[in-house]
Amino acid sequence: MKDRRLEEKPGCSDKRALFPEEIACPQCGIETEIWNDETEASCKKCGTLFIKANIASS
């Protein structure tokens, strides 16, 4: 019997290496985890929503 979880799915065909990054929240400064394929994150402490591109360029 073939394991359906191992079948190639259209959304899973991108084989980039994903990894988490730590970015400081611009509001409170706490380190927040964001994956390299995500563009925004929400701070675990204060709830501020921030965009990774805006933080990286600051």
C-alpha atoms as a PDB file:
ATOM      1  CA  MET A   1       0.000   0.000   0.000  1.00  0.00           C
ATOM      2  CA  LYS A   2       1.382   3.394  -1.000  1.00  0.00           C
ATOM      3  CA  ASP A   3       1.694   6.034   1.752  1.00  0.00           C
ATOM      4  CA  ARG A   4      -0.316   9.040   0.511  1.00  0.00           C
ATOM      5  CA  ARG A   5       1.624  11.415   2.787  1.00  0.00           C
ATOM      6  CA  LEU A   6       4.732  10.817   0.670  1.00  0.00           C
ATOM      7  CA  GLU A   7       3.085  11.710  -2.639  1.00  0.00           C
ATOM      8  CA  GLU A   8       4.249  14.900  -4.297  1.00  0.00           C
ATOM      9  CA  LYS A   9       1.725  17.668  -3.761  1.00  0.00           C
ATOM     10  CA  PRO A  10       1.578  20.778  -5.990  1.00  0.00           C
ATOM     11  CA  GLY A  11       2.223  23.092  -3.034  1.00  0.00           C
ATOM     12  CA  CYS A  12       5.118  20.962  -1.785  1.00  0.00           C
ATOM     13  CA  SER A  13       7.169  20.878  -4.964  1.00  0.00           C
ATOM     14  CA  ASP A  14       9.331  23.816  -3.832  1.00  0.00           C
ATOM     15  CA  LYS A  15      12.383  22.199  -2.223  1.00  0.00           C
ATOM     16  CA  ARG A  16      13.961  25.303  -0.629  1.00  0.00           C
ATOM     17  CA  ALA A  17      15.603  24.889   2.731  1.00  0.00           C
ATOM     18  CA  LEU A  18      13.387  26.474   5.362  1.00  0.00           C
ATOM     19  CA  PHE A  19      14.797  27.731   8.636  1.00  0.00           C
ATOM     20  CA  PRO A  20      13.721  30.032  11.468  1.00  0.00           C
ATOM     21  CA  GLU A  21      15.259  33.459  12.037  1.00  0.00           C
ATOM     22  CA  GLU A  22      15.191  35.555  15.195  1.00  0.00           C
ATOM     23  CA  ILE A  23      14.177  39.189  14.681  1.00  0.00           C
ATOM     24  CA  ALA A  24      13.802  41.801  17.410  1.00  0.00           C
ATOM     25  CA  CYS A  25      10.305  43.269  17.712  1.00  0.00           C
ATOM     26  CA  PRO A  26      10.430  46.967  16.775  1.00  0.00           C
ATOM     27  CA  GLN A  27       8.007  47.831  19.587  1.00  0.00           C
ATOM     28  CA  CYS A  28       9.330  45.968  22.656  1.00  0.00           C
ATOM     29  CA  GLY A  29      12.639  44.463  21.463  1.00  0.00           C
ATOM     30  CA  ILE A  30      11.926  40.813  22.338  1.00  0.00           C
ATOM     31  CA  GLU A  31      13.384  38.265  19.899  1.00  0.00           C
ATOM     32  CA  THR A  32      10.601  36.794  17.740  1.00  0.00           C
ATOM     33  CA  GLU A  33      10.927  33.709  15.543  1.00  0.00           C
ATOM     34  CA  ILE A  34      10.022  34.066  11.879  1.00  0.00           C
ATOM     35  CA  TRP A  35      10.644  31.485   9.152  1.00  0.00           C
ATOM     36  CA  ASN A  36      12.650  32.548   6.109  1.00  0.00           C
ATOM     37  CA  ASP A  37       9.641  32.001   3.815  1.00  0.00           C
ATOM     38  CA  GLU A  38       7.350  34.240   5.902  1.00  0.00           C
ATOM     39  CA  THR A  39       6.993  37.962   5.346  1.00  0.00           C
ATOM     40  CA  GLU A  40       5.354  38.994   8.607  1.00  0.00           C
ATOM     41  CA  ALA A  41       5.270  37.973  12.245  1.00  0.00           C
ATOM     42  CA  SER A  42       3.444  38.820  15.413  1.00  0.00           C
ATOM     43  CA  CYS A  43       5.384  39.486  18.617  1.00  0.00           C
ATOM     44  CA  LYS A  44       4.761  36.893  21.334  1.00  0.00           C
ATOM     45  CA  LYS A  45       5.038  39.491  24.088  1.00  0.00           C
ATOM     46  CA  CYS A  46       3.250  42.652  22.914  1.00  0.00           C
ATOM     47  CA  GLY A  47       1.329  41.354  19.867  1.00  0.00           C
ATOM     48  CA  THR A  48       2.784  43.891  17.431  1.00  0.00           C
ATOM     49  CA  LEU A  49       2.484  42.729  13.832  1.00  0.00           C
ATOM     50  CA  PHE A  50       5.581  43.566  11.804  1.00  0.00           C
ATOM     51  CA  ILE A  51       6.868  42.919   8.306  1.00  0.00           C
ATOM     52  CA  LYS A  52      10.271  41.271   8.019  1.00  0.00           C
ATOM     53  CA  ALA A  53      11.412  43.393   5.044  1.00  0.00           C
ATOM     54  CA  ASN A  54      10.797  46.591   7.008  1.00  0.00           C
ATOM     55  CA  ILE A  55      12.807  45.312   9.986  1.00  0.00           C
ATOM     56  CA  ALA A  56      15.734  44.088   7.849  1.00  0.00           C
ATOM     57  CA  SER A  57      16.089  47.440   6.117  1.00  0.00           C
ATOM     58  CA  SER A  58      15.988  49.478   9.364  1.00  0.00           C
END
